[in-house]
């Protein structure tokens, strides 16, 4: 019995000790677990600190990069502005040189240099005008069309481009197209007198005299008329056989410019149509006009016609001989001019 009891006791005791050991093991595990948790928290805290430090360093790097980018942008902007300023200075210098240049071909070359830097509507306009002066009408038309294609902010340049097209077409005797172009310019700048004056000059070439008068009076509503305008009115009235109006306007023209050969020619034509008693006045005007401009070819024709009228009325044979000599000299001069002009045109064709 005792032996059995002892065995039970020992078994119970061993079980108790086993429980105690397990408790101790659990406690050890808890302690280690707590220690591990503490270490983990410590590591996590350090990681967080390191992460914040890294984030701070990254922010610092980003800030430095931003500063570097800003500096680079400023450098690039400064370089761009310097290049732009340099280009603008060069363009302004070329414009000034071209504006002061008396030789059309050299001025055209200067505007061409400007246009190598940029499509500049003002340069195209000025070069086109020089081409007009040089009678290079096809080139003037090309430049004017480039201005229109550019659609410049300053619509005045667009209107001027249409006027250049009109002038070129008129010189090429394409009058209907010329009128269409000048009309477009007038639509853009209805308060600009240049369009009306240009259209009047085109109408004059078509002998649309009343329309010439109407347009010059339209121009007069926005600007003062000059000697050329009054002469245009005078010649239009002359063609309409309104000689009183013609004479009053040509008188106004010569008041503004006493040495205006075209106006003297117009007045000579008026005097010639007023009859025999004004023939001497007409001859004086034609002579003075040719003295001022020996290449006013229409005046040679007018003076030839006047000589024929005077000869038809003259009874003195010696005067008739002299008048015929003078007339034949004008015919010869005018004929030489036509030969030279034809030769020049043939050279152009080549």
C-alpha atoms as a PDB file:
ATOM      1  CA  UNK A   1       0.000   0.000   0.000  1.00  0.00           C
ATOM      2  CA  UNK A   2       2.728   2.367   1.003  1.00  0.00           C
ATOM      3  CA  UNK A   3       4.619   1.662  -2.121  1.00  0.00           C
ATOM      4  CA  UNK A   4       1.632   2.475  -4.251  1.00  0.00           C
ATOM      5  CA  UNK A   5       0.974   5.650  -2.300  1.00  0.00           C
ATOM      6  CA  UNK A   6       4.567   6.748  -2.715  1.00  0.00           C
ATOM      7  CA  UNK A   7       4.394   6.190  -6.418  1.00  0.00           C
ATOM      8  CA  UNK A   8       1.265   8.276  -6.641  1.00  0.00           C
ATOM      9  CA  UNK A   9       2.872  10.947  -4.571  1.00  0.00           C
ATOM     10  CA  UNK A  10       6.025  10.968  -6.675  1.00  0.00           C
ATOM     11  CA  UNK A  11       3.938  11.082  -9.813  1.00  0.00           C
ATOM     12  CA  UNK A  12       1.945  13.972  -8.430  1.00  0.00           C
ATOM     13  CA  UNK A  13       5.071  15.708  -7.254  1.00  0.00           C
ATOM     14  CA  UNK A  14       6.692  15.256 -10.638  1.00  0.00           C
ATOM     15  CA  UNK A  15       3.609  16.594 -12.335  1.00  0.00           C
ATOM     16  CA  UNK A  16       3.619  19.603 -10.022  1.00  0.00           C
ATOM     17  CA  UNK A  17       7.277  20.216 -10.715  1.00  0.00           C
ATOM     18  CA  UNK A  18       6.607  19.849 -14.414  1.00  0.00           C
ATOM     19  CA  UNK A  19       3.885  22.482 -14.156  1.00  0.00           C
ATOM     20  CA  UNK A  20       6.207  24.782 -12.270  1.00  0.00           C
ATOM     21  CA  UNK A  21       8.911  24.260 -14.875  1.00  0.00           C
ATOM     22  CA  UNK A  22       6.438  25.002 -17.595  1.00  0.00           C
ATOM     23  CA  UNK A  23       5.341  28.128 -15.752  1.00  0.00           C
ATOM     24  CA  UNK A  24       8.969  29.148 -15.495  1.00  0.00           C
ATOM     25  CA  UNK A  25       9.417  28.386 -19.200  1.00  0.00           C
ATOM     26  CA  UNK A  26       6.326  30.433 -20.018  1.00  0.00           C
ATOM     27  CA  UNK A  27       7.618  33.255 -17.891  1.00  0.00           C
ATOM     28  CA  UNK A  28      10.963  33.036 -19.614  1.00  0.00           C
ATOM     29  CA  UNK A  29       9.215  33.040 -22.944  1.00  0.00           C
ATOM     30  CA  UNK A  30       7.123  36.040 -21.866  1.00  0.00           C
ATOM     31  CA  UNK A  31      10.227  37.867 -20.689  1.00  0.00           C
ATOM     32  CA  UNK A  32      12.033  37.042 -23.925  1.00  0.00           C
ATOM     33  CA  UNK A  33       8.940  38.008 -25.896  1.00  0.00           C
ATOM     34  CA  UNK A  34       8.708  41.316 -24.058  1.00  0.00           C
ATOM     35  CA  UNK A  35      12.398  41.845 -24.588  1.00  0.00           C
ATOM     36  CA  UNK A  36      11.981  40.990 -28.249  1.00  0.00           C
ATOM     37  CA  UNK A  37       9.024  43.365 -28.520  1.00  0.00           C
ATOM     38  CA  UNK A  38      11.079  46.068 -26.868  1.00  0.00           C
ATOM     39  CA  UNK A  39      13.945  45.400 -29.229  1.00  0.00           C
ATOM     40  CA  UNK A  40      11.537  45.366 -32.180  1.00  0.00           C
ATOM     41  CA  UNK A  41      10.029  48.656 -31.007  1.00  0.00           C
ATOM     42  CA  UNK A  42      13.540  50.019 -30.587  1.00  0.00           C
ATOM     43  CA  UNK A  43      14.472  48.859 -34.062  1.00  0.00           C
ATOM     44  CA  UNK A  44      11.186  50.217 -35.458  1.00  0.00           C
ATOM     45  CA  UNK A  45      11.825  53.504 -33.730  1.00  0.00           C
ATOM     46  CA  UNK A  46      15.314  53.620 -35.199  1.00  0.00           C
ATOM     47  CA  UNK A  47      13.956  52.651 -38.622  1.00  0.00           C
ATOM     48  CA  UNK A  48      11.425  55.443 -38.378  1.00  0.00           C
ATOM     49  CA  UNK A  49      14.174  57.817 -37.364  1.00  0.00           C
ATOM     50  CA  UNK A  50      16.301  56.600 -40.215  1.00  0.00           C
ATOM     51  CA  UNK A  51      13.341  56.885 -42.579  1.00  0.00           C
ATOM     52  CA  UNK A  52      12.716  60.462 -41.460  1.00  0.00           C
ATOM     53  CA  UNK A  53      16.394  61.202 -41.834  1.00  0.00           C
ATOM     54  CA  UNK A  54      16.393  59.677 -45.327  1.00  0.00           C
ATOM     55  CA  UNK A  55      13.191  61.560 -46.183  1.00  0.00           C
ATOM     56  CA  UNK A  56      14.800  64.747 -44.941  1.00  0.00           C
ATOM     57  CA  UNK A  57      17.869  64.005 -47.013  1.00  0.00           C
ATOM     58  CA  UNK A  58      15.657  63.285 -50.043  1.00  0.00           C
ATOM     59  CA  UNK A  59      13.781  66.532 -49.473  1.00  0.00           C
ATOM     60  CA  UNK A  60      17.119  68.266 -49.226  1.00  0.00           C
ATOM     61  CA  UNK A  61      18.228  66.644 -52.490  1.00  0.00           C
ATOM     62  CA  UNK A  62      14.933  67.617 -54.113  1.00  0.00           C
ATOM     63  CA  UNK A  63      15.341  71.156 -52.835  1.00  0.00           C
ATOM     64  CA  UNK A  64      18.880  71.303 -54.196  1.00  0.00           C
ATOM     65  CA  UNK A  65      17.672  69.866 -57.522  1.00  0.00           C
ATOM     66  CA  UNK A  66      14.880  72.438 -57.633  1.00  0.00           C
ATOM     67  CA  UNK A  67      17.377  75.193 -56.914  1.00  0.00           C
ATOM     68  CA  UNK A  68      19.692  73.825 -59.597  1.00  0.00           C
ATOM     69  CA  UNK A  69      16.770  73.618 -62.056  1.00  0.00           C
ATOM     70  CA  UNK A  70      15.756  77.178 -61.191  1.00  0.00           C
ATOM     71  CA  UNK A  71      19.310  78.381 -61.719  1.00  0.00           C
ATOM     72  CA  UNK A  72      19.516  76.459 -65.008  1.00  0.00           C
ATOM     73  CA  UNK A  73      16.188  77.930 -66.131  1.00  0.00           C
ATOM     74  CA  UNK A  74      17.372  81.413 -65.247  1.00  0.00           C
ATOM     75  CA  UNK A  75      20.618  80.842 -67.142  1.00  0.00           C
ATOM     76  CA  UNK A  76      18.734  79.537 -70.184  1.00  0.00           C
ATOM     77  CA  UNK A  77      16.232  82.409 -69.984  1.00  0.00           C
ATOM     78  CA  UNK A  78      19.071  84.886 -69.653  1.00  0.00           C
ATOM     79  CA  UNK A  79      20.855  83.345 -72.630  1.00  0.00           C
ATOM     80  CA  UNK A  80      17.625  83.360 -74.646  1.00  0.00           C
ATOM     81  CA  UNK A  81      16.958  86.990 -73.731  1.00  0.00           C
ATOM     82  CA  UNK A  82      20.532  87.888 -74.599  1.00  0.00           C
ATOM     83  CA  UNK A  83      20.230  86.168 -77.986  1.00  0.00           C
ATOM     84  CA  UNK A  84      16.826  87.791 -78.541  1.00  0.00           C
ATOM     85  CA  UNK A  85      18.169  91.212 -77.594  1.00  0.00           C
ATOM     86  CA  UNK A  86      21.178  90.669 -79.819  1.00  0.00           C
ATOM     87  CA  UNK A  87      18.938  89.630 -82.715  1.00  0.00           C
ATOM     88  CA  UNK A  88      16.563  92.563 -82.163  1.00  0.00           C
ATOM     89  CA  UNK A  89      19.502  94.978 -82.032  1.00  0.00           C
ATOM     90  CA  UNK A  90      20.873  93.549 -85.282  1.00  0.00           C
ATOM     91  CA  UNK A  91      17.448  93.727 -86.973  1.00  0.00           C
ATOM     92  CA  UNK A  92      16.928  97.312 -85.808  1.00  0.00           C
ATOM     93  CA  UNK A  93      20.364  98.215 -87.121  1.00  0.00           C
ATOM     94  CA  UNK A  94      19.603  96.631 -90.494  1.00  0.00           C
ATOM     95  CA  UNK A  95      16.241  98.445 -90.648  1.00  0.00           C
ATOM     96  CA  UNK A  96      17.971 101.770 -89.958  1.00  0.00           C
ATOM     97  CA  UNK A  97      20.636 101.077 -92.592  1.00  0.00           C
ATOM     98  CA  UNK A  98      18.032 100.084 -95.176  1.00  0.00           C
ATOM     99  CA  UNK A  99      15.857 103.135 -94.459  1.00  0.00           C
ATOM    100  CA  UNK A 100      18.818 105.467 -95.026  1.00  0.00           C
ATOM    101  CA  UNK A 101      20.159 103.626 -98.075  1.00  0.00           C
ATOM    102  CA  UNK A 102      19.715 105.511-101.361  1.00  0.00           C
ATOM    103  CA  UNK A 103      20.550 102.516-103.560  1.00  0.00           C
ATOM    104  CA  UNK A 104      17.452 100.329-103.930  1.00  0.00           C
ATOM    105  CA  UNK A 105      19.402  97.137-104.604  1.00  0.00           C
ATOM    106  CA  UNK A 106      21.536  97.546-101.481  1.00  0.00           C
ATOM    107  CA  UNK A 107      18.426  98.316 -99.406  1.00  0.00           C
ATOM    108  CA  UNK A 108      16.736  95.200-100.796  1.00  0.00           C
ATOM    109  CA  UNK A 109      19.785  93.175 -99.698  1.00  0.00           C
ATOM    110  CA  UNK A 110      19.525  94.585 -96.172  1.00  0.00           C
ATOM    111  CA  UNK A 111      15.840  93.673 -95.905  1.00  0.00           C
ATOM    112  CA  UNK A 112      16.699  90.205 -97.228  1.00  0.00           C
ATOM    113  CA  UNK A 113      19.185  89.799 -94.331  1.00  0.00           C
ATOM    114  CA  UNK A 114      16.438  90.710 -91.862  1.00  0.00           C
ATOM    115  CA  UNK A 115      14.160  88.102 -93.404  1.00  0.00           C
ATOM    116  CA  UNK A 116      16.827  85.429 -92.881  1.00  0.00           C
ATOM    117  CA  UNK A 117      16.438  85.996 -89.135  1.00  0.00           C
ATOM    118  CA  UNK A 118      12.632  85.977 -89.090  1.00  0.00           C
ATOM    119  CA  UNK A 119       9.471  86.390 -91.173  1.00  0.00           C
ATOM    120  CA  UNK A 120       9.062  90.110 -90.581  1.00  0.00           C
ATOM    121  CA  UNK A 121       5.976  91.671 -92.192  1.00  0.00           C
ATOM    122  CA  UNK A 122       7.470  95.190 -92.086  1.00  0.00           C
ATOM    123  CA  UNK A 123      10.582  93.977 -93.938  1.00  0.00           C
ATOM    124  CA  UNK A 124       8.443  92.270 -96.568  1.00  0.00           C
ATOM    125  CA  UNK A 125       6.398  95.477 -97.027  1.00  0.00           C
ATOM    126  CA  UNK A 126       9.474  97.679 -97.446  1.00  0.00           C
ATOM    127  CA  UNK A 127      11.235  95.251 -99.765  1.00  0.00           C
ATOM    128  CA  UNK A 128       8.059  94.931-101.857  1.00  0.00           C
ATOM    129  CA  UNK A 129       7.898  98.730-102.226  1.00  0.00           C
ATOM    130  CA  UNK A 130      11.505  98.756-103.417  1.00  0.00           C
ATOM    131  CA  UNK A 131      10.697  96.013-105.918  1.00  0.00           C
ATOM    132  CA  UNK A 132       7.865  98.239-107.176  1.00  0.00           C
ATOM    133  CA  UNK A 133      10.309 101.123-107.617  1.00  0.00           C
ATOM    134  CA  UNK A 134      12.638  98.776-109.532  1.00  0.00           C
ATOM    135  CA  UNK A 135       9.705  97.604-111.700  1.00  0.00           C
ATOM    136  CA  UNK A 136      10.242  94.066-110.382  1.00  0.00           C
ATOM    137  CA  UNK A 137       6.517  93.545-110.116  1.00  0.00           C
ATOM    138  CA  UNK A 138       6.510  89.741-109.777  1.00  0.00           C
ATOM    139  CA  UNK A 139       8.825  89.945-106.752  1.00  0.00           C
ATOM    140  CA  UNK A 140       6.708  92.702-105.230  1.00  0.00           C
ATOM    141  CA  UNK A 141       3.643  90.471-105.598  1.00  0.00           C
ATOM    142  CA  UNK A 142       5.418  87.537-103.877  1.00  0.00           C
ATOM    143  CA  UNK A 143       6.418  89.687-100.883  1.00  0.00           C
ATOM    144  CA  UNK A 144       2.959  91.236-100.577  1.00  0.00           C
ATOM    145  CA  UNK A 145       1.352  87.779-100.545  1.00  0.00           C
ATOM    146  CA  UNK A 146       3.767  86.665 -97.805  1.00  0.00           C
ATOM    147  CA  UNK A 147       2.590  89.560 -95.639  1.00  0.00           C
ATOM    148  CA  UNK A 148      -1.042  88.559 -96.173  1.00  0.00           C
ATOM    149  CA  UNK A 149      -0.217  84.921 -95.299  1.00  0.00           C
ATOM    150  CA  UNK A 150       1.500  86.041 -92.072  1.00  0.00           C
ATOM    151  CA  UNK A 151      -1.726  87.701 -90.877  1.00  0.00           C
ATOM    152  CA  UNK A 152       0.187  90.431 -88.987  1.00  0.00           C
ATOM    153  CA  UNK A 153      -1.268  91.875 -85.788  1.00  0.00           C
ATOM    154  CA  UNK A 154      -0.980  95.330 -87.342  1.00  0.00           C
ATOM    155  CA  UNK A 155      -3.761  95.189 -89.949  1.00  0.00           C
ATOM    156  CA  UNK A 156      -2.307  98.313 -91.559  1.00  0.00           C
ATOM    157  CA  UNK A 157       0.462  96.140 -92.983  1.00  0.00           C
ATOM    158  CA  UNK A 158      -2.138  93.793 -94.473  1.00  0.00           C
ATOM    159  CA  UNK A 159      -3.843  96.757 -96.130  1.00  0.00           C
ATOM    160  CA  UNK A 160      -0.492  98.012 -97.437  1.00  0.00           C
ATOM    161  CA  UNK A 161       0.191  94.543 -98.875  1.00  0.00           C
ATOM    162  CA  UNK A 162      -3.086  94.741-100.820  1.00  0.00           C
ATOM    163  CA  UNK A 163      -2.117  98.222-102.059  1.00  0.00           C
ATOM    164  CA  UNK A 164       1.245  96.855-103.261  1.00  0.00           C
ATOM    165  CA  UNK A 165      -0.539  94.029-105.071  1.00  0.00           C
ATOM    166  CA  UNK A 166      -2.866  96.591-106.647  1.00  0.00           C
ATOM    167  CA  UNK A 167       0.004  98.836-107.763  1.00  0.00           C
ATOM    168  CA  UNK A 168       1.931  95.892-109.231  1.00  0.00           C
ATOM    169  CA  UNK A 169      -1.113  94.591-111.100  1.00  0.00           C
ATOM    170  CA  UNK A 170      -1.865  98.096-112.421  1.00  0.00           C
ATOM    171  CA  UNK A 171       1.695  98.410-113.728  1.00  0.00           C
ATOM    172  CA  UNK A 172       1.200  95.050-115.436  1.00  0.00           C
ATOM    173  CA  UNK A 173      -1.996  96.535-116.947  1.00  0.00           C
ATOM    174  CA  UNK A 174      -4.144  94.037-115.051  1.00  0.00           C
ATOM    175  CA  UNK A 175      -6.515  96.784-113.984  1.00  0.00           C
ATOM    176  CA  UNK A 176      -9.525  94.737-112.854  1.00  0.00           C
ATOM    177  CA  UNK A 177      -7.372  92.680-110.493  1.00  0.00           C
ATOM    178  CA  UNK A 178      -5.708  95.876-109.302  1.00  0.00           C
ATOM    179  CA  UNK A 179      -9.071  97.380-108.378  1.00  0.00           C
ATOM    180  CA  UNK A 180     -10.088  94.178-106.543  1.00  0.00           C
ATOM    181  CA  UNK A 181      -6.931  94.280-104.423  1.00  0.00           C
ATOM    182  CA  UNK A 182      -7.176  97.966-103.588  1.00  0.00           C
ATOM    183  CA  UNK A 183     -10.804  97.425-102.581  1.00  0.00           C
ATOM    184  CA  UNK A 184      -9.660  94.793-100.053  1.00  0.00           C
ATOM    185  CA  UNK A 185      -7.175  97.255 -98.619  1.00  0.00           C
ATOM    186  CA  UNK A 186      -9.845  99.948 -98.325  1.00  0.00           C
ATOM    187  CA  UNK A 187     -12.139  97.494 -96.512  1.00  0.00           C
ATOM    188  CA  UNK A 188      -9.424  97.015 -93.890  1.00  0.00           C
ATOM    189  CA  UNK A 189      -8.557 100.738 -93.568  1.00  0.00           C
ATOM    190  CA  UNK A 190     -11.578 102.769 -94.712  1.00  0.00           C
ATOM    191  CA  UNK A 191     -10.220 105.880 -92.985  1.00  0.00           C
ATOM    192  CA  UNK A 192      -6.913 105.755 -94.872  1.00  0.00           C
ATOM    193  CA  UNK A 193      -6.666 108.157 -97.811  1.00  0.00           C
ATOM    194  CA  UNK A 194      -3.898 106.201 -99.580  1.00  0.00           C
ATOM    195  CA  UNK A 195      -6.322 103.522-100.744  1.00  0.00           C
ATOM    196  CA  UNK A 196      -8.684 106.019-102.373  1.00  0.00           C
ATOM    197  CA  UNK A 197      -5.796 107.841-104.037  1.00  0.00           C
ATOM    198  CA  UNK A 198      -4.329 104.599-105.356  1.00  0.00           C
ATOM    199  CA  UNK A 199      -7.696 103.479-106.711  1.00  0.00           C
ATOM    200  CA  UNK A 200      -8.128 106.894-108.329  1.00  0.00           C
ATOM    201  CA  UNK A 201      -4.781 106.457-110.113  1.00  0.00           C
ATOM    202  CA  UNK A 202      -5.868 103.028-111.379  1.00  0.00           C
ATOM    203  CA  UNK A 203      -9.199 104.450-112.582  1.00  0.00           C
ATOM    204  CA  UNK A 204      -7.242 107.195-114.359  1.00  0.00           C
ATOM    205  CA  UNK A 205      -5.338 104.551-116.336  1.00  0.00           C
ATOM    206  CA  UNK A 206      -8.695 103.059-117.319  1.00  0.00           C
ATOM    207  CA  UNK A 207     -10.010 106.552-118.200  1.00  0.00           C
ATOM    208  CA  UNK A 208     -12.805 106.169-115.645  1.00  0.00           C
ATOM    209  CA  UNK A 209     -12.680 109.892-114.992  1.00  0.00           C
ATOM    210  CA  UNK A 210     -15.781 110.324-112.841  1.00  0.00           C
ATOM    211  CA  UNK A 211     -14.621 107.517-110.529  1.00  0.00           C
ATOM    212  CA  UNK A 212     -11.232 109.239-110.294  1.00  0.00           C
ATOM    213  CA  UNK A 213     -12.986 112.404-109.106  1.00  0.00           C
ATOM    214  CA  UNK A 214     -15.191 110.502-106.640  1.00  0.00           C
ATOM    215  CA  UNK A 215     -12.213 108.721-105.041  1.00  0.00           C
ATOM    216  CA  UNK A 216     -10.091 111.857-104.721  1.00  0.00           C
ATOM    217  CA  UNK A 217     -12.980 113.591-102.973  1.00  0.00           C
ATOM    218  CA  UNK A 218     -13.294 110.564-100.659  1.00  0.00           C
ATOM    219  CA  UNK A 219      -9.613 110.950 -99.837  1.00  0.00           C
ATOM    220  CA  UNK A 220     -10.245 114.636 -99.134  1.00  0.00           C
ATOM    221  CA  UNK A 221     -12.656 113.658 -96.334  1.00  0.00           C
ATOM    222  CA  UNK A 222      -9.795 112.127 -94.327  1.00  0.00           C
ATOM    223  CA  UNK A 223      -6.748 114.141 -95.407  1.00  0.00           C
ATOM    224  CA  UNK A 224      -5.672 117.351 -97.107  1.00  0.00           C
ATOM    225  CA  UNK A 225      -5.134 117.095-100.852  1.00  0.00           C
ATOM    226  CA  UNK A 226      -1.675 117.707-102.273  1.00  0.00           C
ATOM    227  CA  UNK A 227      -0.500 119.039-105.634  1.00  0.00           C
ATOM    228  CA  UNK A 228      -0.689 115.606-107.242  1.00  0.00           C
ATOM    229  CA  UNK A 229      -4.272 115.108-106.035  1.00  0.00           C
ATOM    230  CA  UNK A 230      -5.422 118.421-107.464  1.00  0.00           C
ATOM    231  CA  UNK A 231      -3.678 117.597-110.726  1.00  0.00           C
ATOM    232  CA  UNK A 232      -5.498 114.249-110.794  1.00  0.00           C
ATOM    233  CA  UNK A 233      -8.810 116.062-110.359  1.00  0.00           C
ATOM    234  CA  UNK A 234      -7.867 118.571-113.045  1.00  0.00           C
ATOM    235  CA  UNK A 235      -6.983 115.897-115.583  1.00  0.00           C
ATOM    236  CA  UNK A 236     -10.171 113.906-114.829  1.00  0.00           C
ATOM    237  CA  UNK A 237     -12.309 117.037-115.322  1.00  0.00           C
ATOM    238  CA  UNK A 238     -10.327 117.763-118.492  1.00  0.00           C
ATOM    239  CA  UNK A 239     -11.175 114.299-119.865  1.00  0.00           C
ATOM    240  CA  UNK A 240     -14.835 114.993-119.056  1.00  0.00           C
ATOM    241  CA  UNK A 241     -14.467 118.324-120.931  1.00  0.00           C
ATOM    242  CA  UNK A 242     -15.340 120.267-117.776  1.00  0.00           C
ATOM    243  CA  UNK A 243     -12.626 122.781-118.464  1.00  0.00           C
ATOM    244  CA  UNK A 244     -13.581 125.337-115.800  1.00  0.00           C
ATOM    245  CA  UNK A 245     -13.300 122.713-113.039  1.00  0.00           C
ATOM    246  CA  UNK A 246     -10.138 121.390-114.652  1.00  0.00           C
ATOM    247  CA  UNK A 247      -8.514 124.824-114.755  1.00  0.00           C
ATOM    248  CA  UNK A 248      -9.428 125.693-111.155  1.00  0.00           C
ATOM    249  CA  UNK A 249      -7.971 122.413-109.861  1.00  0.00           C
ATOM    250  CA  UNK A 250      -4.749 122.610-111.855  1.00  0.00           C
ATOM    251  CA  UNK A 251      -4.343 126.180-110.612  1.00  0.00           C
ATOM    252  CA  UNK A 252      -4.628 124.851-107.050  1.00  0.00           C
ATOM    253  CA  UNK A 253      -2.058 122.176-107.864  1.00  0.00           C
ATOM    254  CA  UNK A 254       0.446 124.749-109.154  1.00  0.00           C
ATOM    255  CA  UNK A 255      -0.132 126.957-106.115  1.00  0.00           C
ATOM    256  CA  UNK A 256       1.064 124.075-103.979  1.00  0.00           C
ATOM    257  CA  UNK A 257       3.954 123.238-106.325  1.00  0.00           C
ATOM    258  CA  UNK A 258       4.774 125.828-109.030  1.00  0.00           C
ATOM    259  CA  UNK A 259       7.454 123.540-110.493  1.00  0.00           C
ATOM    260  CA  UNK A 260       5.234 120.497-110.943  1.00  0.00           C
ATOM    261  CA  UNK A 261       5.816 119.361-114.560  1.00  0.00           C
ATOM    262  CA  UNK A 262       2.795 117.042-114.715  1.00  0.00           C
ATOM    263  CA  UNK A 263       0.496 119.869-113.632  1.00  0.00           C
ATOM    264  CA  UNK A 264       2.038 122.192-116.238  1.00  0.00           C
ATOM    265  CA  UNK A 265       1.378 119.493-118.833  1.00  0.00           C
ATOM    266  CA  UNK A 266      -2.243 119.227-117.677  1.00  0.00           C
ATOM    267  CA  UNK A 267      -2.734 122.985-117.868  1.00  0.00           C
ATOM    268  CA  UNK A 268      -1.158 123.000-121.331  1.00  0.00           C
ATOM    269  CA  UNK A 269      -3.692 120.375-122.433  1.00  0.00           C
ATOM    270  CA  UNK A 270      -6.550 122.479-121.028  1.00  0.00           C
ATOM    271  CA  UNK A 271      -5.308 125.632-122.765  1.00  0.00           C
ATOM    272  CA  UNK A 272      -4.912 123.687-126.015  1.00  0.00           C
ATOM    273  CA  UNK A 273      -8.571 122.575-125.840  1.00  0.00           C
ATOM    274  CA  UNK A 274      -9.789 126.072-124.949  1.00  0.00           C
ATOM    275  CA  UNK A 275      -8.918 127.263-128.427  1.00  0.00           C
ATOM    276  CA  UNK A 276      -6.528 129.215-130.607  1.00  0.00           C
ATOM    277  CA  UNK A 277      -6.160 132.231-128.330  1.00  0.00           C
ATOM    278  CA  UNK A 278      -4.671 129.996-125.610  1.00  0.00           C
ATOM    279  CA  UNK A 279      -2.162 128.183-127.860  1.00  0.00           C
ATOM    280  CA  UNK A 280       0.756 130.350-126.757  1.00  0.00           C
ATOM    281  CA  UNK A 281      -0.079 129.692-123.089  1.00  0.00           C
ATOM    282  CA  UNK A 282      -0.282 125.970-123.811  1.00  0.00           C
ATOM    283  CA  UNK A 283       3.102 126.024-125.567  1.00  0.00           C
ATOM    284  CA  UNK A 284       4.683 127.888-122.652  1.00  0.00           C
ATOM    285  CA  UNK A 285       3.373 125.247-120.241  1.00  0.00           C
ATOM    286  CA  UNK A 286       4.607 122.321-122.353  1.00  0.00           C
ATOM    287  CA  UNK A 287       8.029 123.946-122.770  1.00  0.00           C
ATOM    288  CA  UNK A 288       8.321 124.574-119.034  1.00  0.00           C
ATOM    289  CA  UNK A 289       7.180 121.031-118.193  1.00  0.00           C
ATOM    290  CA  UNK A 290       9.849 119.505-120.448  1.00  0.00           C
ATOM    291  CA  UNK A 291      12.482 121.836-119.074  1.00  0.00           C
ATOM    292  CA  UNK A 292      11.697 120.520-115.599  1.00  0.00           C
ATOM    293  CA  UNK A 293      11.423 116.897-116.769  1.00  0.00           C
ATOM    294  CA  UNK A 294      12.872 116.098-120.218  1.00  0.00           C
ATOM    295  CA  UNK A 295      11.546 112.534-119.915  1.00  0.00           C
ATOM    296  CA  UNK A 296       7.885 113.508-119.604  1.00  0.00           C
ATOM    297  CA  UNK A 297       7.050 111.655-122.817  1.00  0.00           C
ATOM    298  CA  UNK A 298       3.343 112.432-122.849  1.00  0.00           C
ATOM    299  CA  UNK A 299       4.229 116.110-123.049  1.00  0.00           C
ATOM    300  CA  UNK A 300       6.176 115.536-126.265  1.00  0.00           C
ATOM    301  CA  UNK A 301       3.029 113.981-127.747  1.00  0.00           C
ATOM    302  CA  UNK A 302       0.911 116.875-126.504  1.00  0.00           C
ATOM    303  CA  UNK A 303       3.343 119.444-127.880  1.00  0.00           C
ATOM    304  CA  UNK A 304       3.394 117.645-131.263  1.00  0.00           C
ATOM    305  CA  UNK A 305      -0.407 117.896-131.365  1.00  0.00           C
ATOM    306  CA  UNK A 306      -0.203 121.569-130.415  1.00  0.00           C
ATOM    307  CA  UNK A 307       2.332 122.277-133.179  1.00  0.00           C
ATOM    308  CA  UNK A 308      -0.056 120.665-135.693  1.00  0.00           C
ATOM    309  CA  UNK A 309      -2.914 122.863-134.451  1.00  0.00           C
ATOM    310  CA  UNK A 310      -0.786 126.018-134.651  1.00  0.00           C
ATOM    311  CA  UNK A 311       0.520 125.089-138.109  1.00  0.00           C
ATOM    312  CA  UNK A 312      -3.027 124.601-139.362  1.00  0.00           C
ATOM    313  CA  UNK A 313      -3.848 128.186-138.308  1.00  0.00           C
ATOM    314  CA  UNK A 314      -0.566 129.840-139.280  1.00  0.00           C
ATOM    315  CA  UNK A 315      -0.299 131.825-142.529  1.00  0.00           C
ATOM    316  CA  UNK A 316       3.327 132.914-142.262  1.00  0.00           C
ATOM    317  CA  UNK A 317       5.414 130.404-144.289  1.00  0.00           C
ATOM    318  CA  UNK A 318       8.621 131.061-142.369  1.00  0.00           C
ATOM    319  CA  UNK A 319       6.844 130.410-139.059  1.00  0.00           C
ATOM    320  CA  UNK A 320       5.282 127.280-140.493  1.00  0.00           C
ATOM    321  CA  UNK A 321       8.725 125.976-141.493  1.00  0.00           C
ATOM    322  CA  UNK A 322      10.073 126.650-137.988  1.00  0.00           C
ATOM    323  CA  UNK A 323       7.039 125.063-136.341  1.00  0.00           C
ATOM    324  CA  UNK A 324       7.408 121.965-138.507  1.00  0.00           C
ATOM    325  CA  UNK A 325      11.075 121.739-137.612  1.00  0.00           C
ATOM    326  CA  UNK A 326      10.215 121.875-133.903  1.00  0.00           C
ATOM    327  CA  UNK A 327       7.415 119.368-134.351  1.00  0.00           C
ATOM    328  CA  UNK A 328       9.642 116.947-136.292  1.00  0.00           C
ATOM    329  CA  UNK A 329      12.314 117.248-133.591  1.00  0.00           C
ATOM    330  CA  UNK A 330       9.728 116.172-131.006  1.00  0.00           C
ATOM    331  CA  UNK A 331       8.587 113.315-133.230  1.00  0.00           C
ATOM    332  CA  UNK A 332      12.172 112.119-133.561  1.00  0.00           C
ATOM    333  CA  UNK A 333      12.766 112.383-129.804  1.00  0.00           C
ATOM    334  CA  UNK A 334       9.577 110.475-129.083  1.00  0.00           C
ATOM    335  CA  UNK A 335      10.417 107.831-131.710  1.00  0.00           C
ATOM    336  CA  UNK A 336      13.879 107.268-130.210  1.00  0.00           C
ATOM    337  CA  UNK A 337      12.282 106.850-126.829  1.00  0.00           C
ATOM    338  CA  UNK A 338       9.965 104.138-128.182  1.00  0.00           C
ATOM    339  CA  UNK A 339      12.894 102.289-129.806  1.00  0.00           C
ATOM    340  CA  UNK A 340      14.912 102.430-126.575  1.00  0.00           C
ATOM    341  CA  UNK A 341      11.912 101.277-124.572  1.00  0.00           C
ATOM    342  CA  UNK A 342      11.324  98.301-126.876  1.00  0.00           C
ATOM    343  CA  UNK A 343      15.008  97.336-126.691  1.00  0.00           C
ATOM    344  CA  UNK A 344      14.876  97.555-122.901  1.00  0.00           C
ATOM    345  CA  UNK A 345      11.793  95.333-122.786  1.00  0.00           C
ATOM    346  CA  UNK A 346      13.465  92.788-125.074  1.00  0.00           C
ATOM    347  CA  UNK A 347      16.515  92.734-122.799  1.00  0.00           C
ATOM    348  CA  UNK A 348      14.232  92.092-119.841  1.00  0.00           C
ATOM    349  CA  UNK A 349      12.651  89.168-121.695  1.00  0.00           C
ATOM    350  CA  UNK A 350      16.075  87.647-122.220  1.00  0.00           C
END
